[in-house]
Amino acid sequence: MKIISGKKVSENIFSGLMAKLQKLDESPKLLSIIIGKNPAAISYTKAKDRKASALGAEFKVLALENSLSQKEIEKKIRNYIRKWTPDGIIIERPIPKKIDLNILTNLIPPLSDIDCQRMDSLGMLMSGRAKYIPATAKAVLEILKFYKIAVASKNIVVVGRSLTIGLPLSIILMSKSEYGNATVSVCHSKTDELSRYTKKADIIITAAGKPGLLTADMVTKKSVVIDVGTTYKNGKLLGDVDFSAVAGKVKAITPVPGGVGPVTTACLFQNLVNACIGKRNKKL
């Protein structure tokens, strides 16, 4: 069994970013928008803040109260974007259920949509013409590539069908690309007998946000497990995999924390730097 470290992958990505940053005349600007006080969202922004400081990028958080109405939130986001003109913008999830996320993501200028949150950005991704791959989905791909885990012709199970991870990832893994040509099964909360799929998989990617979802009886010795799940419970960050039970039974596995998380942050900044370069070139 091999523990797949996200730290090595993220360090490799950041080393490449430093070379690009040195060629820029001004620092990239990243805006993170939080609505409410969800601990997961707050944790994500802290990780971005640390990396922004290390890279010399500008990072700001627009924290909005849960009590604000949809229209009030829209106005504040619109005004802040107009005032600060960030290169990259991300709306942290989860957000309160009363808020329409699709309306908010459409406030993000297309060139600043570095996490592919706009509906038209997702459409471009599904058609194979994406400007950016969502950071978490891209992190999974970068981990597989870094550790030379073959994808082509493999059976892959993706557990989760979200617009940010499950669906984009499954589309890319099936595509005719360097990350693709796999046979993909997308499972979810309504899948009957999940183990029937996971036991046949060469690679299992969990992105359901349900701690303990993948157990030892659902894997085999050939399984490579990538745990994307992030759930805070009693102040502790948990993945979707029962790590202590599963780790000894599989070929390789990512831990939570320390697996996909650091690489997601690195991929987001990779998209940010590319957005910054793209905007500068457009002005020339």
C-alpha atoms as a PDB file:
ATOM      1  CA  MET A   1       0.000   0.000   0.000  1.00  0.00           C
ATOM      2  CA  LYS A   2       1.259   3.463  -0.910  1.00  0.00           C
ATOM      3  CA  ILE A   3       0.187   6.738   0.666  1.00  0.00           C
ATOM      4  CA  ILE A   4      -0.156   9.338  -2.098  1.00  0.00           C
ATOM      5  CA  SER A   5       1.157  12.667  -0.814  1.00  0.00           C
ATOM      6  CA  GLY A   6      -0.467  15.793  -2.182  1.00  0.00           C
ATOM      7  CA  LYS A   7       2.408  17.883  -0.867  1.00  0.00           C
ATOM      8  CA  LYS A   8       4.870  16.612  -3.483  1.00  0.00           C
ATOM      9  CA  VAL A   9       2.437  17.300  -6.313  1.00  0.00           C
ATOM     10  CA  SER A  10       1.588  20.805  -5.091  1.00  0.00           C
ATOM     11  CA  GLU A  11       5.269  21.696  -4.630  1.00  0.00           C
ATOM     12  CA  ASN A  12       5.930  20.634  -8.218  1.00  0.00           C
ATOM     13  CA  ILE A  13       3.103  22.846  -9.494  1.00  0.00           C
ATOM     14  CA  PHE A  14       4.151  25.841  -7.395  1.00  0.00           C
ATOM     15  CA  SER A  15       7.766  25.596  -8.585  1.00  0.00           C
ATOM     16  CA  GLY A  16       6.511  25.990 -12.157  1.00  0.00           C
ATOM     17  CA  LEU A  17       4.335  28.941 -11.139  1.00  0.00           C
ATOM     18  CA  MET A  18       7.247  30.838  -9.613  1.00  0.00           C
ATOM     19  CA  ALA A  19       8.996  30.931 -12.976  1.00  0.00           C
ATOM     20  CA  LYS A  20       5.861  32.366 -14.632  1.00  0.00           C
ATOM     21  CA  LEU A  21       5.300  34.914 -11.857  1.00  0.00           C
ATOM     22  CA  GLN A  22       8.783  36.348 -12.257  1.00  0.00           C
ATOM     23  CA  LYS A  23       7.871  37.383 -15.809  1.00  0.00           C
ATOM     24  CA  LEU A  24       4.782  39.362 -14.737  1.00  0.00           C
ATOM     25  CA  ASP A  25       4.930  43.124 -14.218  1.00  0.00           C
ATOM     26  CA  GLU A  26       2.274  43.046 -11.492  1.00  0.00           C
ATOM     27  CA  SER A  27       0.960  40.508  -8.997  1.00  0.00           C
ATOM     28  CA  PRO A  28      -2.079  38.344  -9.824  1.00  0.00           C
ATOM     29  CA  LYS A  29      -5.195  39.281  -7.832  1.00  0.00           C
ATOM     30  CA  LEU A  30      -7.499  36.647  -6.367  1.00  0.00           C
ATOM     31  CA  LEU A  31     -10.891  37.355  -4.802  1.00  0.00           C
ATOM     32  CA  SER A  32     -12.573  34.776  -2.587  1.00  0.00           C
ATOM     33  CA  ILE A  33     -16.262  35.288  -1.750  1.00  0.00           C
ATOM     34  CA  ILE A  34     -17.742  33.710   1.390  1.00  0.00           C
ATOM     35  CA  ILE A  35     -21.413  33.824   2.320  1.00  0.00           C
ATOM     36  CA  GLY A  36     -22.066  32.904   5.939  1.00  0.00           C
ATOM     37  CA  LYS A  37     -19.590  31.251   8.280  1.00  0.00           C
ATOM     38  CA  ASN A  38     -19.247  27.687   7.055  1.00  0.00           C
ATOM     39  CA  PRO A  39     -16.065  26.194   8.590  1.00  0.00           C
ATOM     40  CA  ALA A  40     -15.089  24.405   5.370  1.00  0.00           C
ATOM     41  CA  ALA A  41     -15.310  27.625   3.337  1.00  0.00           C
ATOM     42  CA  ILE A  42     -13.296  29.508   5.950  1.00  0.00           C
ATOM     43  CA  SER A  43     -10.636  26.787   5.911  1.00  0.00           C
ATOM     44  CA  TYR A  44     -10.356  26.999   2.109  1.00  0.00           C
ATOM     45  CA  THR A  45      -9.751  30.747   2.235  1.00  0.00           C
ATOM     46  CA  LYS A  46      -7.062  30.401   4.894  1.00  0.00           C
ATOM     47  CA  ALA A  47      -5.196  27.920   2.698  1.00  0.00           C
ATOM     48  CA  LYS A  48      -5.419  30.325  -0.248  1.00  0.00           C
ATOM     49  CA  ASP A  49      -4.220  33.215   1.902  1.00  0.00           C
ATOM     50  CA  ARG A  50      -1.096  31.312   2.957  1.00  0.00           C
ATOM     51  CA  LYS A  51      -0.222  30.346  -0.609  1.00  0.00           C
ATOM     52  CA  ALA A  52      -0.940  33.825  -1.976  1.00  0.00           C
ATOM     53  CA  SER A  53       1.533  35.286   0.509  1.00  0.00           C
ATOM     54  CA  ALA A  54       4.173  32.729  -0.466  1.00  0.00           C
ATOM     55  CA  LEU A  55       3.699  33.469  -4.165  1.00  0.00           C
ATOM     56  CA  GLY A  56       3.475  37.237  -3.824  1.00  0.00           C
ATOM     57  CA  ALA A  57      -0.073  37.293  -5.156  1.00  0.00           C
ATOM     58  CA  GLU A  58      -2.734  39.680  -3.860  1.00  0.00           C
ATOM     59  CA  PHE A  59      -5.576  37.957  -2.047  1.00  0.00           C
ATOM     60  CA  LYS A  60      -8.775  39.417  -0.644  1.00  0.00           C
ATOM     61  CA  VAL A  61     -11.849  37.904   0.988  1.00  0.00           C
ATOM     62  CA  LEU A  62     -15.308  39.378   0.540  1.00  0.00           C
ATOM     63  CA  ALA A  63     -17.167  38.001   3.579  1.00  0.00           C
ATOM     64  CA  LEU A  64     -20.923  38.434   3.370  1.00  0.00           C
ATOM     65  CA  GLU A  65     -23.416  37.859   6.144  1.00  0.00           C
ATOM     66  CA  ASN A  66     -25.901  35.017   5.829  1.00  0.00           C
ATOM     67  CA  SER A  67     -28.681  37.459   6.737  1.00  0.00           C
ATOM     68  CA  LEU A  68     -28.287  39.424   3.488  1.00  0.00           C
ATOM     69  CA  SER A  69     -30.844  38.967   0.727  1.00  0.00           C
ATOM     70  CA  GLN A  70     -30.027  37.625  -2.734  1.00  0.00           C
ATOM     71  CA  LYS A  71     -30.205  41.134  -4.241  1.00  0.00           C
ATOM     72  CA  GLU A  72     -27.996  42.635  -1.514  1.00  0.00           C
ATOM     73  CA  ILE A  73     -25.371  39.945  -2.057  1.00  0.00           C
ATOM     74  CA  GLU A  74     -25.444  40.454  -5.810  1.00  0.00           C
ATOM     75  CA  LYS A  75     -24.967  44.209  -5.412  1.00  0.00           C
ATOM     76  CA  LYS A  76     -22.013  43.833  -3.031  1.00  0.00           C
ATOM     77  CA  ILE A  77     -20.286  41.302  -5.274  1.00  0.00           C
ATOM     78  CA  ARG A  78     -20.850  43.423  -8.390  1.00  0.00           C
ATOM     79  CA  ASN A  79     -19.492  46.549  -6.712  1.00  0.00           C
ATOM     80  CA  TYR A  80     -16.444  44.788  -5.272  1.00  0.00           C
ATOM     81  CA  ILE A  81     -15.496  43.248  -8.604  1.00  0.00           C
ATOM     82  CA  ARG A  82     -15.851  46.623 -10.333  1.00  0.00           C
ATOM     83  CA  LYS A  83     -13.752  48.335  -7.671  1.00  0.00           C
ATOM     84  CA  TRP A  84     -10.886  45.831  -7.361  1.00  0.00           C
ATOM     85  CA  THR A  85     -10.853  44.138 -10.822  1.00  0.00           C
ATOM     86  CA  PRO A  86      -9.423  40.776  -9.696  1.00  0.00           C
ATOM     87  CA  ASP A  87      -7.788  38.393 -12.163  1.00  0.00           C
ATOM     88  CA  GLY A  88      -9.507  35.411 -10.572  1.00  0.00           C
ATOM     89  CA  ILE A  89     -12.728  35.061  -8.601  1.00  0.00           C
ATOM     90  CA  ILE A  90     -14.121  32.099  -6.706  1.00  0.00           C
ATOM     91  CA  ILE A  91     -17.346  31.778  -4.735  1.00  0.00           C
ATOM     92  CA  GLU A  92     -16.590  29.457  -1.839  1.00  0.00           C
ATOM     93  CA  ARG A  93     -18.933  26.556  -1.244  1.00  0.00           C
ATOM     94  CA  PRO A  94     -21.105  25.573   0.452  1.00  0.00           C
ATOM     95  CA  ILE A  95     -23.369  28.601   0.418  1.00  0.00           C
ATOM     96  CA  PRO A  96     -26.726  29.086   2.203  1.00  0.00           C
ATOM     97  CA  LYS A  97     -29.578  27.166   0.546  1.00  0.00           C
ATOM     98  CA  LYS A  98     -31.641  30.331   0.108  1.00  0.00           C
ATOM     99  CA  ILE A  99     -29.051  31.781  -2.288  1.00  0.00           C
ATOM    100  CA  ASP A 100     -29.174  31.085  -6.045  1.00  0.00           C
ATOM    101  CA  LEU A 101     -25.573  30.238  -6.913  1.00  0.00           C
ATOM    102  CA  ASN A 102     -26.134  30.354 -10.685  1.00  0.00           C
ATOM    103  CA  ILE A 103     -27.061  34.025 -10.520  1.00  0.00           C
ATOM    104  CA  LEU A 104     -23.955  34.816  -8.474  1.00  0.00           C
ATOM    105  CA  THR A 105     -21.555  32.912 -10.734  1.00  0.00           C
ATOM    106  CA  ASN A 106     -22.828  34.886 -13.732  1.00  0.00           C
ATOM    107  CA  LEU A 107     -21.474  38.011 -12.032  1.00  0.00           C
ATOM    108  CA  ILE A 108     -17.964  36.613 -12.511  1.00  0.00           C
ATOM    109  CA  PRO A 109     -16.375  37.892 -15.754  1.00  0.00           C
ATOM    110  CA  PRO A 110     -15.612  34.874 -18.012  1.00  0.00           C
ATOM    111  CA  LEU A 111     -11.847  35.498 -18.012  1.00  0.00           C
ATOM    112  CA  SER A 112     -11.854  35.605 -14.193  1.00  0.00           C
ATOM    113  CA  ASP A 113     -13.830  32.381 -13.779  1.00  0.00           C
ATOM    114  CA  ILE A 114     -10.777  30.358 -12.779  1.00  0.00           C
ATOM    115  CA  ASP A 115     -12.774  27.593 -11.061  1.00  0.00           C
ATOM    116  CA  CYS A 116     -15.211  27.118 -13.954  1.00  0.00           C
ATOM    117  CA  GLN A 117     -18.270  28.128 -11.906  1.00  0.00           C
ATOM    118  CA  ARG A 118     -20.270  29.894 -14.631  1.00  0.00           C
ATOM    119  CA  MET A 119     -22.745  27.729 -16.579  1.00  0.00           C
ATOM    120  CA  ASP A 120     -21.206  28.728 -19.913  1.00  0.00           C
ATOM    121  CA  SER A 121     -17.738  27.842 -18.582  1.00  0.00           C
ATOM    122  CA  LEU A 122     -19.012  24.381 -17.655  1.00  0.00           C
ATOM    123  CA  GLY A 123     -20.538  24.053 -21.110  1.00  0.00           C
ATOM    124  CA  MET A 124     -17.168  24.840 -22.686  1.00  0.00           C
ATOM    125  CA  LEU A 125     -15.552  22.210 -20.477  1.00  0.00           C
ATOM    126  CA  MET A 126     -18.108  19.561 -21.427  1.00  0.00           C
ATOM    127  CA  SER A 127     -17.452  20.264 -25.115  1.00  0.00           C
ATOM    128  CA  GLY A 128     -13.686  19.952 -24.646  1.00  0.00           C
ATOM    129  CA  ARG A 129     -12.936  23.672 -25.058  1.00  0.00           C
ATOM    130  CA  ALA A 130     -12.534  24.776 -21.439  1.00  0.00           C
ATOM    131  CA  LYS A 131     -10.475  27.842 -20.538  1.00  0.00           C
ATOM    132  CA  TYR A 132      -9.890  26.354 -17.082  1.00  0.00           C
ATOM    133  CA  ILE A 133     -10.529  23.006 -15.424  1.00  0.00           C
ATOM    134  CA  PRO A 134     -12.143  23.305 -11.968  1.00  0.00           C
ATOM    135  CA  ALA A 135      -9.340  23.247  -9.416  1.00  0.00           C
ATOM    136  CA  THR A 136     -10.458  20.169  -7.468  1.00  0.00           C
ATOM    137  CA  ALA A 137     -11.093  18.109 -10.579  1.00  0.00           C
ATOM    138  CA  LYS A 138      -7.756  19.249 -11.979  1.00  0.00           C
ATOM    139  CA  ALA A 139      -6.044  18.285  -8.713  1.00  0.00           C
ATOM    140  CA  VAL A 140      -7.189  14.678  -9.120  1.00  0.00           C
ATOM    141  CA  LEU A 141      -5.836  14.622 -12.686  1.00  0.00           C
ATOM    142  CA  GLU A 142      -2.508  16.140 -11.610  1.00  0.00           C
ATOM    143  CA  ILE A 143      -2.114  13.547  -8.834  1.00  0.00           C
ATOM    144  CA  LEU A 144      -2.706  10.684 -11.255  1.00  0.00           C
ATOM    145  CA  LYS A 145      -0.271  12.202 -13.748  1.00  0.00           C
ATOM    146  CA  PHE A 146       2.459  12.934 -11.156  1.00  0.00           C
ATOM    147  CA  TYR A 147       2.390   9.407  -9.745  1.00  0.00           C
ATOM    148  CA  LYS A 148       2.197   7.886 -13.234  1.00  0.00           C
ATOM    149  CA  ILE A 149      -1.088   6.142 -12.508  1.00  0.00           C
ATOM    150  CA  ALA A 150      -2.415   5.058 -15.898  1.00  0.00           C
ATOM    151  CA  VAL A 151      -5.908   6.218 -16.829  1.00  0.00           C
ATOM    152  CA  ALA A 152      -6.356   5.078 -20.438  1.00  0.00           C
ATOM    153  CA  SER A 153      -8.332   1.826 -20.754  1.00  0.00           C
ATOM    154  CA  LYS A 154      -8.826   1.637 -16.974  1.00  0.00           C
ATOM    155  CA  ASN A 155     -12.117   1.193 -15.166  1.00  0.00           C
ATOM    156  CA  ILE A 156     -12.744   4.259 -13.013  1.00  0.00           C
ATOM    157  CA  VAL A 157     -15.579   4.832 -10.569  1.00  0.00           C
ATOM    158  CA  VAL A 158     -16.398   8.421  -9.642  1.00  0.00           C
ATOM    159  CA  VAL A 159     -18.631   8.622  -6.574  1.00  0.00           C
ATOM    160  CA  GLY A 160     -20.393  11.985  -6.759  1.00  0.00           C
ATOM    161  CA  ARG A 161     -22.059  13.969  -9.537  1.00  0.00           C
ATOM    162  CA  SER A 162     -21.534  17.590  -8.528  1.00  0.00           C
ATOM    163  CA  LEU A 163     -20.940  20.295 -11.141  1.00  0.00           C
ATOM    164  CA  THR A 164     -17.608  21.176  -9.519  1.00  0.00           C
ATOM    165  CA  ILE A 165     -16.031  17.733  -9.232  1.00  0.00           C
ATOM    166  CA  GLY A 166     -17.941  14.590 -10.196  1.00  0.00           C
ATOM    167  CA  LEU A 167     -19.387  15.559 -13.570  1.00  0.00           C
ATOM    168  CA  PRO A 168     -16.407  17.571 -14.932  1.00  0.00           C
ATOM    169  CA  LEU A 169     -13.989  14.882 -13.787  1.00  0.00           C
ATOM    170  CA  SER A 170     -15.957  12.052 -15.363  1.00  0.00           C
ATOM    171  CA  ILE A 171     -16.213  13.945 -18.679  1.00  0.00           C
ATOM    172  CA  ILE A 172     -12.465  14.625 -18.773  1.00  0.00           C
ATOM    173  CA  LEU A 173     -11.557  11.042 -17.837  1.00  0.00           C
ATOM    174  CA  MET A 174     -13.681   9.788 -20.746  1.00  0.00           C
ATOM    175  CA  SER A 175     -12.400  12.358 -23.237  1.00  0.00           C
ATOM    176  CA  LYS A 176      -9.815  11.869 -25.967  1.00  0.00           C
ATOM    177  CA  SER A 177      -7.037  13.659 -24.107  1.00  0.00           C
ATOM    178  CA  GLU A 178      -3.897  13.072 -22.090  1.00  0.00           C
ATOM    179  CA  TYR A 179      -6.074  12.676 -18.989  1.00  0.00           C
ATOM    180  CA  GLY A 180      -8.721  10.538 -20.658  1.00  0.00           C
ATOM    181  CA  ASN A 181      -9.691   7.411 -22.560  1.00  0.00           C
ATOM    182  CA  ALA A 182     -10.904   5.652 -19.421  1.00  0.00           C
ATOM    183  CA  THR A 183     -14.139   3.722 -18.945  1.00  0.00           C
ATOM    184  CA  VAL A 184     -16.016   5.695 -16.297  1.00  0.00           C
ATOM    185  CA  SER A 185     -18.931   4.831 -14.035  1.00  0.00           C
ATOM    186  CA  VAL A 186     -20.533   7.731 -12.163  1.00  0.00           C
ATOM    187  CA  CYS A 187     -22.169   6.641  -8.904  1.00  0.00           C
ATOM    188  CA  HIS A 188     -24.170   8.700  -6.416  1.00  0.00           C
ATOM    189  CA  SER A 189     -26.558   8.633  -3.458  1.00  0.00           C
ATOM    190  CA  LYS A 190     -29.172   6.683  -5.436  1.00  0.00           C
ATOM    191  CA  THR A 191     -26.759   4.022  -6.697  1.00  0.00           C
ATOM    192  CA  ASP A 192     -27.854   0.572  -5.544  1.00  0.00           C
ATOM    193  CA  GLU A 193     -25.090  -1.593  -4.036  1.00  0.00           C
ATOM    194  CA  LEU A 194     -22.185   0.771  -4.595  1.00  0.00           C
ATOM    195  CA  SER A 195     -19.671  -1.996  -3.879  1.00  0.00           C
ATOM    196  CA  ARG A 196     -20.711  -3.774  -7.125  1.00  0.00           C
ATOM    197  CA  TYR A 197     -19.028  -0.916  -8.979  1.00  0.00           C
ATOM    198  CA  THR A 198     -16.112  -0.092  -6.677  1.00  0.00           C
ATOM    199  CA  LYS A 199     -14.875  -3.698  -6.506  1.00  0.00           C
ATOM    200  CA  LYS A 200     -14.471  -3.761 -10.289  1.00  0.00           C
ATOM    201  CA  ALA A 201     -12.641  -0.432 -10.445  1.00  0.00           C
ATOM    202  CA  ASP A 202      -8.947   0.152 -11.009  1.00  0.00           C
ATOM    203  CA  ILE A 203      -9.345   3.699  -9.667  1.00  0.00           C
ATOM    204  CA  ILE A 204     -11.986   4.907  -7.202  1.00  0.00           C
ATOM    205  CA  ILE A 205     -12.531   8.648  -6.808  1.00  0.00           C
ATOM    206  CA  THR A 206     -14.847   9.654  -3.975  1.00  0.00           C
ATOM    207  CA  ALA A 207     -16.370  13.143  -3.989  1.00  0.00           C
ATOM    208  CA  ALA A 208     -19.616  12.694  -2.099  1.00  0.00           C
ATOM    209  CA  GLY A 209     -18.986  14.555   1.163  1.00  0.00           C
ATOM    210  CA  LYS A 210     -20.072  11.547   3.267  1.00  0.00           C
ATOM    211  CA  PRO A 211     -17.519  10.410   5.871  1.00  0.00           C
ATOM    212  CA  GLY A 212     -16.986   6.657   5.999  1.00  0.00           C
ATOM    213  CA  LEU A 213     -18.776   6.064   2.690  1.00  0.00           C
ATOM    214  CA  LEU A 214     -16.057   3.825   1.248  1.00  0.00           C
ATOM    215  CA  THR A 215     -15.282   0.897   3.537  1.00  0.00           C
ATOM    216  CA  ALA A 216     -12.785  -1.957   3.466  1.00  0.00           C
ATOM    217  CA  ASP A 217     -15.242  -4.458   1.976  1.00  0.00           C
ATOM    218  CA  MET A 218     -15.759  -2.199  -1.060  1.00  0.00           C
ATOM    219  CA  VAL A 219     -12.175  -2.268  -2.403  1.00  0.00           C
ATOM    220  CA  THR A 220      -9.606  -4.745  -3.726  1.00  0.00           C
ATOM    221  CA  LYS A 221      -5.824  -5.030  -3.696  1.00  0.00           C
ATOM    222  CA  LYS A 222      -5.608  -3.435  -7.152  1.00  0.00           C
ATOM    223  CA  SER A 223      -7.626  -0.336  -6.136  1.00  0.00           C
ATOM    224  CA  VAL A 224      -6.165   3.162  -6.282  1.00  0.00           C
ATOM    225  CA  VAL A 225      -8.321   5.383  -4.060  1.00  0.00           C
ATOM    226  CA  ILE A 226      -8.453   9.168  -4.462  1.00  0.00           C
ATOM    227  CA  ASP A 227     -10.464  10.727  -1.618  1.00  0.00           C
ATOM    228  CA  VAL A 228     -11.817  14.162  -2.547  1.00  0.00           C
ATOM    229  CA  GLY A 229     -14.378  14.312   0.247  1.00  0.00           C
ATOM    230  CA  THR A 230     -14.157  17.129   2.801  1.00  0.00           C
ATOM    231  CA  THR A 231     -16.517  17.235   5.753  1.00  0.00           C
ATOM    232  CA  TYR A 232     -15.938  18.974   9.072  1.00  0.00           C
ATOM    233  CA  LYS A 233     -17.183  17.006  12.066  1.00  0.00           C
ATOM    234  CA  ASN A 234     -16.470  18.101  15.633  1.00  0.00           C
ATOM    235  CA  GLY A 235     -13.727  20.387  14.338  1.00  0.00           C
ATOM    236  CA  LYS A 236     -11.994  17.593  12.407  1.00  0.00           C
ATOM    237  CA  LEU A 237     -11.620  17.336   8.618  1.00  0.00           C
ATOM    238  CA  LEU A 238     -12.836  13.994   7.288  1.00  0.00           C
ATOM    239  CA  GLY A 239     -12.806  12.420   3.851  1.00  0.00           C
ATOM    240  CA  ASP A 240     -15.264   9.963   2.298  1.00  0.00           C
ATOM    241  CA  VAL A 241     -13.024   6.960   2.959  1.00  0.00           C
ATOM    242  CA  ASP A 242     -12.676   4.942   6.154  1.00  0.00           C
ATOM    243  CA  PHE A 243      -8.932   5.501   5.854  1.00  0.00           C
ATOM    244  CA  SER A 244      -7.657   3.311   8.702  1.00  0.00           C
ATOM    245  CA  ALA A 245      -9.637   0.303   7.456  1.00  0.00           C
ATOM    246  CA  VAL A 246      -9.175   0.820   3.702  1.00  0.00           C
ATOM    247  CA  ALA A 247      -5.494   1.860   3.564  1.00  0.00           C
ATOM    248  CA  GLY A 248      -4.138  -1.623   4.272  1.00  0.00           C
ATOM    249  CA  LYS A 249      -6.266  -3.247   1.597  1.00  0.00           C
ATOM    250  CA  VAL A 250      -5.524  -1.135  -1.500  1.00  0.00           C
ATOM    251  CA  LYS A 251      -2.668  -0.442  -3.891  1.00  0.00           C
ATOM    252  CA  ALA A 252      -2.534   3.308  -3.175  1.00  0.00           C
ATOM    253  CA  ILE A 253      -4.608   5.926  -1.374  1.00  0.00           C
ATOM    254  CA  THR A 254      -4.736   9.664  -0.662  1.00  0.00           C
ATOM    255  CA  PRO A 255      -5.172  10.802   2.953  1.00  0.00           C
ATOM    256  CA  VAL A 256      -7.487  13.562   4.211  1.00  0.00           C
ATOM    257  CA  PRO A 257      -6.042  16.027   4.983  1.00  0.00           C
ATOM    258  CA  GLY A 258      -2.788  16.071   3.003  1.00  0.00           C
ATOM    259  CA  GLY A 259      -3.977  14.475  -0.224  1.00  0.00           C
ATOM    260  CA  VAL A 260      -6.128  16.275  -2.790  1.00  0.00           C
ATOM    261  CA  GLY A 261      -6.480  19.485  -0.738  1.00  0.00           C
ATOM    262  CA  PRO A 262      -2.976  20.965  -1.206  1.00  0.00           C
ATOM    263  CA  VAL A 263      -3.067  20.136  -4.912  1.00  0.00           C
ATOM    264  CA  THR A 264      -6.454  21.839  -5.321  1.00  0.00           C
ATOM    265  CA  THR A 265      -4.991  25.063  -3.936  1.00  0.00           C
ATOM    266  CA  ALA A 266      -1.995  24.756  -6.267  1.00  0.00           C
ATOM    267  CA  CYS A 267      -4.247  24.170  -9.287  1.00  0.00           C
ATOM    268  CA  LEU A 268      -6.391  27.180  -8.425  1.00  0.00           C
ATOM    269  CA  PHE A 269      -3.308  29.406  -8.372  1.00  0.00           C
ATOM    270  CA  GLN A 270      -2.141  27.804 -11.608  1.00  0.00           C
ATOM    271  CA  ASN A 271      -5.431  28.874 -13.188  1.00  0.00           C
ATOM    272  CA  LEU A 272      -5.073  32.319 -11.581  1.00  0.00           C
ATOM    273  CA  VAL A 273      -1.621  32.899 -13.041  1.00  0.00           C
ATOM    274  CA  ASN A 274      -2.792  31.755 -16.483  1.00  0.00           C
ATOM    275  CA  ALA A 275      -5.776  34.130 -16.230  1.00  0.00           C
ATOM    276  CA  CYS A 276      -3.476  36.967 -15.268  1.00  0.00           C
ATOM    277  CA  ILE A 277      -1.166  36.265 -18.201  1.00  0.00           C
ATOM    278  CA  GLY A 278      -4.150  36.004 -20.555  1.00  0.00           C
ATOM    279  CA  LYS A 279      -5.507  39.389 -19.455  1.00  0.00           C
ATOM    280  CA  ARG A 280      -2.132  41.097 -19.748  1.00  0.00           C
ATOM    281  CA  ASN A 281      -1.651  39.690 -23.255  1.00  0.00           C
ATOM    282  CA  LYS A 282      -5.137  40.854 -24.245  1.00  0.00           C
ATOM    283  CA  LYS A 283      -4.240  44.425 -23.276  1.00  0.00           C
ATOM    284  CA  LEU A 284      -1.108  44.437 -25.425  1.00  0.00           C
END
